[in-house]
Amino acid sequence: MKKFIVEESFFELFPNARLGVVLIRKFNNKIANEGIKRLLKDANKKAVKYVSESMVFSDNPRIKIWRDAFTKFKTKKGARSSIEALLKRIEKGNPVNSINPLVDIYNIASLEFGLPCGAEDMKKIDGDLLLGITKGGDEFCALGEDYNSPTLEGEICYRDNLGAVCRCLNWRDGKRTMIDDNTESAFLVMEIIDKNDTELNNSLINAINRVVELSQNYLGAQCSIHFIDSNNPMLDTEQN
């Protein structure tokens, strides 16, 4: 991975968007960590605060903002933000289970602060990682699948030289760049649509700091924090 570039086409749709990025390096993701697993169980319980029995699920502010955002670009039928998938599990009493230490860490932050979060293996990114509207046809094989499901024209996706990395903004990560036991360096990102929303912006900052805290304390990782918006749309990952 060389650079992370958020294209103008993204900010034309979401001019007030802000992305928090953590570059996580020199860590061991092979050893299961009981401390992280306990924190994940706790995070499942904490996330209940984002699911109100008195409110229709789609009216939940943490869900509605992403449903509204997804109406602004072409999406695969049924695509929803990753935070909706997590909170839907919480609503149904189906907790998010452990996968591997780093994935658990970003799921903890996502559940605790009600924000979508994803990560990719930096060594598996070919060239620059771009975020913006695609012309379609980017090759993509989703996690858990074995067939190509290419992007649609007008879709927002993360992509590199070889194809899509994450489809429909933050819906599904691809198998090619997934975080696995052998990952030693990772690009982690969380998005908010409106940086002028004080609550959301504070949640973003706190969630990013939570990722760094857990990655350093439990994985011994080296971390750097970066924020991306329309005034600062590019991050040179080789220089940071």
Protein backbone atom coordinates (compact mmCIF):
# COMPACT_ATOMS: atom_id res chain seq x y z
CA MET A 1 0.00 0.00 0.00
CA LYS A 2 1.33 3.40 -1.01
CA LYS A 3 -1.27 6.10 -0.41
CA PHE A 4 -4.85 6.41 0.78
CA ILE A 5 -6.74 8.87 -1.40
CA VAL A 6 -10.35 9.96 -0.94
CA GLU A 7 -11.51 11.17 -4.31
CA GLU A 8 -13.47 14.33 -5.04
CA SER A 9 -16.46 12.23 -6.09
CA PHE A 10 -16.85 11.05 -2.49
CA PHE A 11 -16.78 14.55 -1.02
CA GLU A 12 -19.20 15.81 -3.67
CA LEU A 13 -21.76 13.49 -2.08
CA PHE A 14 -20.58 13.86 1.51
CA PRO A 15 -18.84 17.23 1.88
CA ASN A 16 -18.84 17.09 5.69
CA ALA A 17 -17.57 13.52 5.99
CA ARG A 18 -14.61 12.72 8.21
CA LEU A 19 -12.61 9.52 8.34
CA GLY A 20 -10.43 8.33 11.17
CA VAL A 21 -7.51 6.13 10.12
CA VAL A 22 -5.12 4.09 12.22
CA LEU A 23 -2.02 2.55 10.69
CA ILE A 24 -1.23 -0.47 12.86
CA ARG A 25 2.15 -2.11 12.47
CA LYS A 26 4.49 -4.72 13.96
CA PHE A 27 1.98 -6.85 15.82
CA ASN A 28 1.30 -10.55 16.22
CA ASN A 29 -2.24 -11.52 15.26
CA LYS A 30 -1.76 -15.27 15.58
CA ILE A 31 -2.24 -15.77 19.31
CA ALA A 32 -5.76 -15.74 20.73
CA ASN A 33 -6.07 -13.23 23.56
CA GLU A 34 -8.47 -13.96 26.40
CA GLY A 35 -8.39 -10.33 27.57
CA ILE A 36 -9.61 -9.12 24.18
CA LYS A 37 -12.31 -11.80 24.13
CA ARG A 38 -13.59 -10.59 27.52
CA LEU A 39 -13.67 -7.00 26.28
CA LEU A 40 -15.63 -8.12 23.21
CA LYS A 41 -18.23 -9.76 25.45
CA ASP A 42 -18.47 -6.53 27.44
CA ALA A 43 -18.79 -4.49 24.23
CA ASN A 44 -21.74 -6.63 23.14
CA LYS A 45 -23.46 -5.65 26.38
CA LYS A 46 -22.56 -1.97 26.06
CA ALA A 47 -23.96 -1.82 22.52
CA VAL A 48 -27.46 -2.50 23.84
CA LYS A 49 -27.69 1.24 24.56
CA TYR A 50 -27.83 1.83 20.79
CA VAL A 51 -30.84 -0.47 20.38
CA SER A 52 -34.07 0.86 21.88
CA GLU A 53 -37.07 -1.43 22.28
CA SER A 54 -39.35 1.62 21.96
CA MET A 55 -37.89 2.65 18.60
CA VAL A 56 -38.25 1.11 15.16
CA PHE A 57 -34.80 -0.24 14.26
CA SER A 58 -34.56 1.77 11.03
CA ASP A 59 -35.31 4.98 12.96
CA ASN A 60 -32.32 4.48 15.25
CA PRO A 61 -30.10 7.56 14.68
CA ARG A 62 -26.97 5.40 14.34
CA ILE A 63 -28.75 3.39 11.63
CA LYS A 64 -30.79 6.09 9.91
CA ILE A 65 -27.81 8.29 9.08
CA TRP A 66 -26.24 5.43 7.11
CA ARG A 67 -29.49 4.37 5.44
CA ASP A 68 -29.89 7.95 4.25
CA ALA A 69 -26.27 8.01 3.06
CA PHE A 70 -26.73 4.79 1.09
CA THR A 71 -29.56 6.39 -0.93
CA LYS A 72 -27.04 8.82 -2.45
CA PHE A 73 -25.11 6.24 -4.49
CA LYS A 74 -25.71 2.99 -6.33
CA THR A 75 -25.74 -0.03 -4.03
CA LYS A 76 -26.17 -3.75 -4.32
CA LYS A 77 -29.70 -4.73 -3.28
CA GLY A 78 -29.86 -5.19 0.49
CA ALA A 79 -26.51 -3.53 1.19
CA ARG A 80 -26.34 -1.86 4.58
CA SER A 81 -23.64 -0.22 6.68
CA SER A 82 -21.50 -2.61 8.71
CA ILE A 83 -22.65 -0.97 11.95
CA GLU A 84 -26.23 -1.86 11.08
CA ALA A 85 -25.25 -5.52 10.73
CA LEU A 86 -23.58 -5.46 14.15
CA LEU A 87 -26.44 -3.66 15.92
CA LYS A 88 -28.99 -5.96 14.28
CA ARG A 89 -27.22 -8.85 15.97
CA ILE A 90 -27.37 -7.04 19.28
CA GLU A 91 -31.08 -6.37 18.85
CA LYS A 92 -31.69 -10.06 18.21
CA GLY A 93 -29.57 -11.16 21.18
CA ASN A 94 -26.98 -12.71 18.87
CA PRO A 95 -23.61 -11.42 20.15
CA VAL A 96 -20.64 -10.69 17.91
CA ASN A 97 -18.16 -13.52 18.37
CA SER A 98 -14.37 -13.55 18.39
CA ILE A 99 -12.61 -13.84 15.02
CA ASN A 100 -8.98 -12.87 15.60
CA PRO A 101 -7.35 -10.31 17.90
CA LEU A 102 -7.31 -7.27 15.58
CA VAL A 103 -10.77 -7.88 14.16
CA ASP A 104 -12.03 -8.29 17.72
CA ILE A 105 -10.43 -4.97 18.65
CA TYR A 106 -12.13 -3.02 15.90
CA ASN A 107 -15.44 -4.75 16.60
CA ILE A 108 -15.08 -3.69 20.24
CA ALA A 109 -14.61 -0.06 19.19
CA SER A 110 -17.45 -0.28 16.69
CA LEU A 111 -19.87 -1.72 19.27
CA GLU A 112 -18.83 0.63 22.06
CA PHE A 113 -19.18 3.79 19.98
CA GLY A 114 -21.83 2.81 17.43
CA LEU A 115 -19.72 3.48 14.33
CA PRO A 116 -18.76 1.38 11.31
CA CYS A 117 -15.18 0.16 11.30
CA GLY A 118 -13.12 -1.92 8.93
CA ALA A 119 -9.51 -2.89 8.35
CA GLU A 120 -7.35 -4.26 5.56
CA ASP A 121 -3.96 -5.96 5.44
CA MET A 122 -1.65 -3.23 4.13
CA LYS A 123 0.67 -5.72 2.45
CA LYS A 124 -2.23 -7.03 0.36
CA ILE A 125 -3.19 -3.61 -1.04
CA ASP A 126 -1.80 -3.17 -4.55
CA GLY A 127 -0.70 0.43 -5.12
CA ASP A 128 -2.90 3.22 -3.77
CA LEU A 129 -6.15 2.63 -1.88
CA LEU A 130 -8.88 4.87 -3.31
CA LEU A 131 -12.32 5.77 -1.96
CA GLY A 132 -14.83 7.22 -4.37
CA ILE A 133 -17.45 6.55 -7.03
CA THR A 134 -16.45 3.77 -9.37
CA LYS A 135 -17.30 3.18 -13.02
CA GLY A 136 -18.17 -0.39 -12.02
CA GLY A 137 -16.73 -3.77 -12.90
CA ASP A 138 -14.10 -3.80 -10.14
CA GLU A 139 -13.37 -7.42 -9.27
CA PHE A 140 -14.52 -8.38 -5.78
CA CYS A 141 -14.86 -11.59 -3.81
CA ALA A 142 -16.56 -11.06 -0.47
CA LEU A 143 -15.53 -12.70 2.77
CA GLY A 144 -17.10 -16.12 2.98
CA GLU A 145 -17.72 -16.35 -0.77
CA ASP A 146 -15.82 -17.88 -3.69
CA TYR A 147 -17.15 -15.98 -6.70
CA ASN A 148 -16.61 -12.58 -8.29
CA SER A 149 -19.25 -9.98 -7.42
CA PRO A 150 -18.07 -6.86 -9.25
CA THR A 151 -18.95 -3.31 -8.30
CA LEU A 152 -21.79 -1.41 -9.95
CA GLU A 153 -21.49 1.79 -11.92
CA GLY A 154 -22.04 4.71 -9.54
CA GLU A 155 -21.19 2.70 -6.42
CA ILE A 156 -18.90 4.10 -3.73
CA CYS A 157 -16.17 1.65 -2.84
CA TYR A 158 -12.64 1.30 -1.56
CA ARG A 159 -10.46 -0.07 -4.38
CA ASP A 160 -6.87 -0.61 -5.43
CA ASN A 161 -5.13 -1.63 -8.65
CA LEU A 162 -6.57 -5.16 -8.52
CA GLY A 163 -10.20 -4.40 -7.77
CA ALA A 164 -12.58 -3.49 -4.98
CA VAL A 165 -11.44 -3.83 -1.38
CA CYS A 166 -14.70 -2.90 0.37
CA ARG A 167 -18.01 -2.52 -1.46
CA CYS A 168 -20.82 -0.01 -0.94
CA LEU A 169 -18.68 2.28 1.23
CA ASN A 170 -18.60 0.15 4.38
CA TRP A 171 -20.86 -2.81 3.63
CA ARG A 172 -18.64 -5.81 2.84
CA ASP A 173 -14.89 -6.37 3.01
CA GLY A 174 -13.20 -8.54 0.41
CA LYS A 175 -11.37 -11.81 0.93
CA ARG A 176 -8.24 -10.68 -0.92
CA THR A 177 -7.22 -8.01 1.61
CA MET A 178 -8.77 -9.48 4.74
CA ILE A 179 -7.16 -9.37 8.18
CA ASP A 180 -5.99 -12.88 9.07
CA ASP A 181 -3.63 -14.61 11.48
CA ASN A 182 -0.62 -13.66 9.38
CA THR A 183 -1.38 -9.94 9.19
CA GLU A 184 1.42 -7.79 10.59
CA SER A 185 0.39 -4.34 9.31
CA ALA A 186 -3.13 -3.01 8.94
CA PHE A 187 -5.02 -0.02 7.59
CA LEU A 188 -8.04 0.63 9.81
CA VAL A 189 -10.75 3.17 9.00
CA MET A 190 -13.91 4.53 10.60
CA GLU A 191 -16.27 6.97 8.88
CA ILE A 192 -18.76 9.60 9.94
CA ILE A 193 -20.95 11.48 7.48
CA ASP A 194 -21.16 14.79 9.36
CA LYS A 195 -18.09 16.07 11.18
CA ASN A 196 -20.17 19.03 12.40
CA ASP A 197 -22.23 16.67 14.55
CA THR A 198 -20.40 17.03 17.87
CA GLU A 199 -21.60 13.71 19.25
CA LEU A 200 -20.55 11.77 16.17
CA ASN A 201 -17.22 13.54 15.92
CA ASN A 202 -16.45 12.84 19.58
CA SER A 203 -17.46 9.21 19.08
CA LEU A 204 -15.08 8.96 16.13
CA ILE A 205 -12.17 10.40 18.10
CA ASN A 206 -12.87 8.20 21.11
CA ALA A 207 -13.29 5.08 18.98
CA ILE A 208 -10.02 5.67 17.15
CA ASN A 209 -8.24 6.21 20.47
CA ARG A 210 -9.82 3.00 21.77
CA VAL A 211 -8.42 1.04 18.83
CA VAL A 212 -4.95 2.44 19.49
CA GLU A 213 -5.16 1.74 23.23
CA LEU A 214 -6.16 -1.90 22.71
CA SER A 215 -3.74 -2.50 19.84
CA GLN A 216 -0.82 -1.19 21.86
CA ASN A 217 -1.77 -2.81 25.17
CA TYR A 218 -2.77 -6.24 23.86
CA LEU A 219 -0.85 -6.63 20.60
CA GLY A 220 2.21 -4.49 21.27
CA ALA A 221 1.50 -2.69 18.00
CA GLN A 222 2.95 0.54 16.71
CA CYS A 223 0.10 2.89 15.79
CA SER A 224 -0.34 6.26 14.13
CA ILE A 225 -3.61 8.22 13.95
CA HIS A 226 -4.74 10.28 10.96
CA PHE A 227 -7.94 12.14 10.09
CA ILE A 228 -9.17 12.61 6.53
CA ASP A 229 -11.66 15.19 5.26
CA SER A 230 -12.23 17.39 2.23
CA ASN A 231 -9.40 19.68 3.30
CA ASN A 232 -7.00 16.77 3.82
CA PRO A 233 -8.02 13.99 1.41
CA MET A 234 -4.74 12.06 1.10
CA LEU A 235 -2.50 10.03 3.41
CA ASP A 236 0.92 8.78 2.34
CA THR A 237 1.13 5.51 4.24
CA GLU A 238 4.76 4.98 3.28
CA GLN A 239 5.76 8.22 5.01
CA ASN A 240 3.62 7.77 8.14
